[in-house]
Amino acid sequence: MLVSLPADAPLDIDEHGGLLATAIADLKIPTSIFWAMNTSPQSVAALERTMKIFAKSPVKFIAARNLFFGPADSFTEYISSTVQKALLKAGGTEANIPELNRRAVAATILKNPMVAFSANGGSL
C-alpha cells in the first residue's frame, strides 16, 4: 500500500484506519505501507498516528523520503526522531525516492488542481 499526501492534506486515517488494520490482522495478510514523506513536521506526525493505528496488525512500514523535497539529510523532523526509532524497532525500513524530474512534475501534478476526498466517499 502506498501513502503519499500533499503537505498539510487532511488524513482520514483516524476514522477508517482501524477498520483496515483489523481486517489485515484478521486475514493475516502480509502488508507493507510505503509512506512517501516530505520534510514537514506534519508528514512525520501523520506517520506516527498511522503507525499507532496499525501497531497490532502485521503491517510493516517503509519510510520513504521523497527527495523532490530535498536531500535525505534535510528530513530533520524525521531523522533521529522517536518516530524513526519506533519504526525501525518495529521492523520497518527506510528508503529514498529519487527526485522527480521537475518538468514532469510541472506537466502533471502541478498542472492539475488537487481534489480533496474522503475514504467514505464524501468530499472534504
C-alpha atoms as a PDB file:
ATOM      1  CA  MET A   1       0.000   0.000   0.000  1.00  0.00           C
ATOM      2  CA  LEU A   2       1.356   3.428  -0.911  1.00  0.00           C
ATOM      3  CA  VAL A   3       0.525   6.533   1.096  1.00  0.00           C
ATOM      4  CA  SER A   4       1.514   9.865  -0.413  1.00  0.00           C
ATOM      5  CA  LEU A   5      -0.108  13.005   0.939  1.00  0.00           C
ATOM      6  CA  PRO A   6       0.376  16.584  -0.167  1.00  0.00           C
ATOM      7  CA  ALA A   7       1.752  18.742   2.642  1.00  0.00           C
ATOM      8  CA  ASP A   8      -0.955  19.644   5.155  1.00  0.00           C
ATOM      9  CA  ALA A   9      -3.540  17.406   3.459  1.00  0.00           C
ATOM     10  CA  PRO A  10      -6.207  16.081   5.818  1.00  0.00           C
ATOM     11  CA  LEU A  11      -5.638  12.479   6.841  1.00  0.00           C
ATOM     12  CA  ASP A  12      -8.730  10.316   7.310  1.00  0.00           C
ATOM     13  CA  ILE A  13      -6.716   7.513   8.931  1.00  0.00           C
ATOM     14  CA  ASP A  14      -8.106   8.170  12.405  1.00  0.00           C
ATOM     15  CA  GLU A  15     -11.633   7.405  11.229  1.00  0.00           C
ATOM     16  CA  HIS A  16     -11.018   4.490   8.846  1.00  0.00           C
ATOM     17  CA  GLY A  17      -7.541   3.124   9.562  1.00  0.00           C
ATOM     18  CA  GLY A  18      -8.689   0.945  12.439  1.00  0.00           C
ATOM     19  CA  LEU A  19     -11.058  -0.964  10.155  1.00  0.00           C
ATOM     20  CA  LEU A  20      -8.281  -1.661   7.690  1.00  0.00           C
ATOM     21  CA  ALA A  21      -5.818  -2.613  10.452  1.00  0.00           C
ATOM     22  CA  THR A  22      -8.341  -5.071  11.924  1.00  0.00           C
ATOM     23  CA  ALA A  23      -9.078  -6.623   8.526  1.00  0.00           C
ATOM     24  CA  ILE A  24      -5.370  -7.053   7.788  1.00  0.00           C
ATOM     25  CA  ALA A  25      -4.796  -8.642  11.201  1.00  0.00           C
ATOM     26  CA  ASP A  26      -7.858 -10.938  10.980  1.00  0.00           C
ATOM     27  CA  LEU A  27      -6.990 -12.109   7.472  1.00  0.00           C
ATOM     28  CA  LYS A  28      -3.269 -12.381   8.294  1.00  0.00           C
ATOM     29  CA  ILE A  29      -2.410 -10.544   5.094  1.00  0.00           C
ATOM     30  CA  PRO A  30       1.279  -9.590   4.935  1.00  0.00           C
ATOM     31  CA  THR A  31       1.149  -5.877   4.169  1.00  0.00           C
ATOM     32  CA  SER A  32       3.662  -3.083   3.879  1.00  0.00           C
ATOM     33  CA  ILE A  33       2.775   0.579   3.946  1.00  0.00           C
ATOM     34  CA  PHE A  34       5.141   2.591   1.792  1.00  0.00           C
ATOM     35  CA  TRP A  35       4.949   6.048   3.404  1.00  0.00           C
ATOM     36  CA  ALA A  36       6.133   8.749   0.976  1.00  0.00           C
ATOM     37  CA  MET A  37       7.427  11.535   3.219  1.00  0.00           C
ATOM     38  CA  ASN A  38       8.111  15.201   2.707  1.00  0.00           C
ATOM     39  CA  THR A  39      10.221  17.317   5.055  1.00  0.00           C
ATOM     40  CA  SER A  40       7.321  18.811   7.002  1.00  0.00           C
ATOM     41  CA  PRO A  41       6.562  18.075  10.653  1.00  0.00           C
ATOM     42  CA  GLN A  42       3.014  17.161   9.548  1.00  0.00           C
ATOM     43  CA  SER A  43       4.359  14.291   7.445  1.00  0.00           C
ATOM     44  CA  VAL A  44       6.145  12.814  10.472  1.00  0.00           C
ATOM     45  CA  ALA A  45       3.138  13.382  12.767  1.00  0.00           C
ATOM     46  CA  ALA A  46       0.800  11.662  10.285  1.00  0.00           C
ATOM     47  CA  LEU A  47       3.215   8.722  10.011  1.00  0.00           C
ATOM     48  CA  GLU A  48       3.288   8.449  13.794  1.00  0.00           C
ATOM     49  CA  ARG A  49      -0.523   8.439  14.067  1.00  0.00           C
ATOM     50  CA  THR A  50      -0.786   5.820  11.343  1.00  0.00           C
ATOM     51  CA  MET A  51       1.869   3.609  12.959  1.00  0.00           C
ATOM     52  CA  LYS A  52      -0.095   3.668  16.232  1.00  0.00           C
ATOM     53  CA  ILE A  53      -3.309   2.637  14.476  1.00  0.00           C
ATOM     54  CA  PHE A  54      -1.576  -0.314  12.771  1.00  0.00           C
ATOM     55  CA  ALA A  55       0.582  -1.289  15.769  1.00  0.00           C
ATOM     56  CA  LYS A  56      -1.357  -4.511  16.499  1.00  0.00           C
ATOM     57  CA  SER A  57      -1.506  -5.603  12.870  1.00  0.00           C
ATOM     58  CA  PRO A  58       1.161  -7.410  10.822  1.00  0.00           C
ATOM     59  CA  VAL A  59       1.808  -4.226   8.808  1.00  0.00           C
ATOM     60  CA  LYS A  60       5.421  -3.193   8.245  1.00  0.00           C
ATOM     61  CA  PHE A  61       6.225   0.404   7.384  1.00  0.00           C
ATOM     62  CA  ILE A  62       8.677   1.701   4.826  1.00  0.00           C
ATOM     63  CA  ALA A  63       9.502   5.361   5.472  1.00  0.00           C
ATOM     64  CA  ALA A  64      10.382   6.706   2.040  1.00  0.00           C
ATOM     65  CA  ARG A  65      11.975  10.135   1.910  1.00  0.00           C
ATOM     66  CA  ASN A  66      10.746  11.866  -1.255  1.00  0.00           C
ATOM     67  CA  LEU A  67      13.922  13.564  -2.460  1.00  0.00           C
ATOM     68  CA  PHE A  68      11.842  16.002  -4.523  1.00  0.00           C
ATOM     69  CA  PHE A  69      11.711  17.977  -1.245  1.00  0.00           C
ATOM     70  CA  GLY A  70      15.472  17.920  -0.670  1.00  0.00           C
ATOM     71  CA  PRO A  71      18.380  15.576   0.028  1.00  0.00           C
ATOM     72  CA  ALA A  72      17.923  12.739   2.520  1.00  0.00           C
ATOM     73  CA  ASP A  73      19.741  14.628   5.280  1.00  0.00           C
ATOM     74  CA  SER A  74      17.244  17.521   5.032  1.00  0.00           C
ATOM     75  CA  PHE A  75      14.487  15.384   6.589  1.00  0.00           C
ATOM     76  CA  THR A  76      15.449  16.708  10.010  1.00  0.00           C
ATOM     77  CA  GLU A  77      11.973  16.303  11.557  1.00  0.00           C
ATOM     78  CA  TYR A  78      12.251  12.555  10.945  1.00  0.00           C
ATOM     79  CA  ILE A  79      15.966  11.861  11.408  1.00  0.00           C
ATOM     80  CA  SER A  80      16.698  10.652  14.964  1.00  0.00           C
ATOM     81  CA  SER A  81      13.056  11.242  15.979  1.00  0.00           C
ATOM     82  CA  THR A  82      11.078   8.957  18.249  1.00  0.00           C
ATOM     83  CA  VAL A  83       9.022   8.075  15.155  1.00  0.00           C
ATOM     84  CA  GLN A  84      12.101   6.885  13.267  1.00  0.00           C
ATOM     85  CA  LYS A  85      13.278   4.867  16.276  1.00  0.00           C
ATOM     86  CA  ALA A  86       9.833   3.270  16.723  1.00  0.00           C
ATOM     87  CA  LEU A  87       9.567   2.427  13.020  1.00  0.00           C
ATOM     88  CA  LEU A  88      12.964   0.718  12.964  1.00  0.00           C
ATOM     89  CA  LYS A  89      12.344  -1.074  16.285  1.00  0.00           C
ATOM     90  CA  ALA A  90       9.095  -2.497  14.873  1.00  0.00           C
ATOM     91  CA  GLY A  91      10.956  -3.956  11.878  1.00  0.00           C
ATOM     92  CA  GLY A  92      10.230  -1.133   9.450  1.00  0.00           C
ATOM     93  CA  THR A  93      12.707   0.041   6.859  1.00  0.00           C
ATOM     94  CA  GLU A  94      13.703   3.267   5.145  1.00  0.00           C
ATOM     95  CA  ALA A  95      14.179   4.204   1.512  1.00  0.00           C
ATOM     96  CA  ASN A  96      14.780   7.231  -0.649  1.00  0.00           C
ATOM     97  CA  ILE A  97      12.600   8.127  -3.625  1.00  0.00           C
ATOM     98  CA  PRO A  98      14.815   9.771  -6.273  1.00  0.00           C
ATOM     99  CA  GLU A  99      13.939  13.350  -7.148  1.00  0.00           C
ATOM    100  CA  LEU A 100      11.288  13.577  -9.822  1.00  0.00           C
ATOM    101  CA  ASN A 101      12.122  15.481 -12.942  1.00  0.00           C
ATOM    102  CA  ARG A 102      10.800  18.993 -12.269  1.00  0.00           C
ATOM    103  CA  ARG A 103       9.392  19.301 -15.816  1.00  0.00           C
ATOM    104  CA  ALA A 104       7.445  16.073 -15.333  1.00  0.00           C
ATOM    105  CA  VAL A 105       6.059  17.360 -12.036  1.00  0.00           C
ATOM    106  CA  ALA A 106       5.075  20.682 -13.626  1.00  0.00           C
ATOM    107  CA  ALA A 107       3.392  18.931 -16.545  1.00  0.00           C
ATOM    108  CA  THR A 108       1.388  16.529 -14.397  1.00  0.00           C
ATOM    109  CA  ILE A 109       0.986  17.121 -10.678  1.00  0.00           C
ATOM    110  CA  LEU A 110       1.171  20.919 -10.676  1.00  0.00           C
ATOM    111  CA  LYS A 111      -0.957  21.283 -13.814  1.00  0.00           C
ATOM    112  CA  ASN A 112      -3.974  19.539 -12.302  1.00  0.00           C
ATOM    113  CA  PRO A 113      -5.785  21.005  -9.295  1.00  0.00           C
ATOM    114  CA  MET A 114      -5.930  18.890  -6.147  1.00  0.00           C
ATOM    115  CA  VAL A 115      -9.306  17.433  -5.236  1.00  0.00           C
ATOM    116  CA  ALA A 116      -9.755  16.535  -1.592  1.00  0.00           C
ATOM    117  CA  PHE A 117     -11.654  13.342  -0.908  1.00  0.00           C
ATOM    118  CA  SER A 118     -12.568  11.125   1.988  1.00  0.00           C
ATOM    119  CA  ALA A 119     -12.376   7.353   2.315  1.00  0.00           C
ATOM    120  CA  ASN A 120     -16.120   7.277   2.996  1.00  0.00           C
ATOM    121  CA  GLY A 121     -16.831   8.796  -0.422  1.00  0.00           C
ATOM    122  CA  GLY A 122     -17.680  12.279   0.777  1.00  0.00           C
ATOM    123  CA  SER A 123     -15.755  15.347  -0.155  1.00  0.00           C
ATOM    124  CA  LEU A 124     -13.835  17.362   2.384  1.00  0.00           C
END
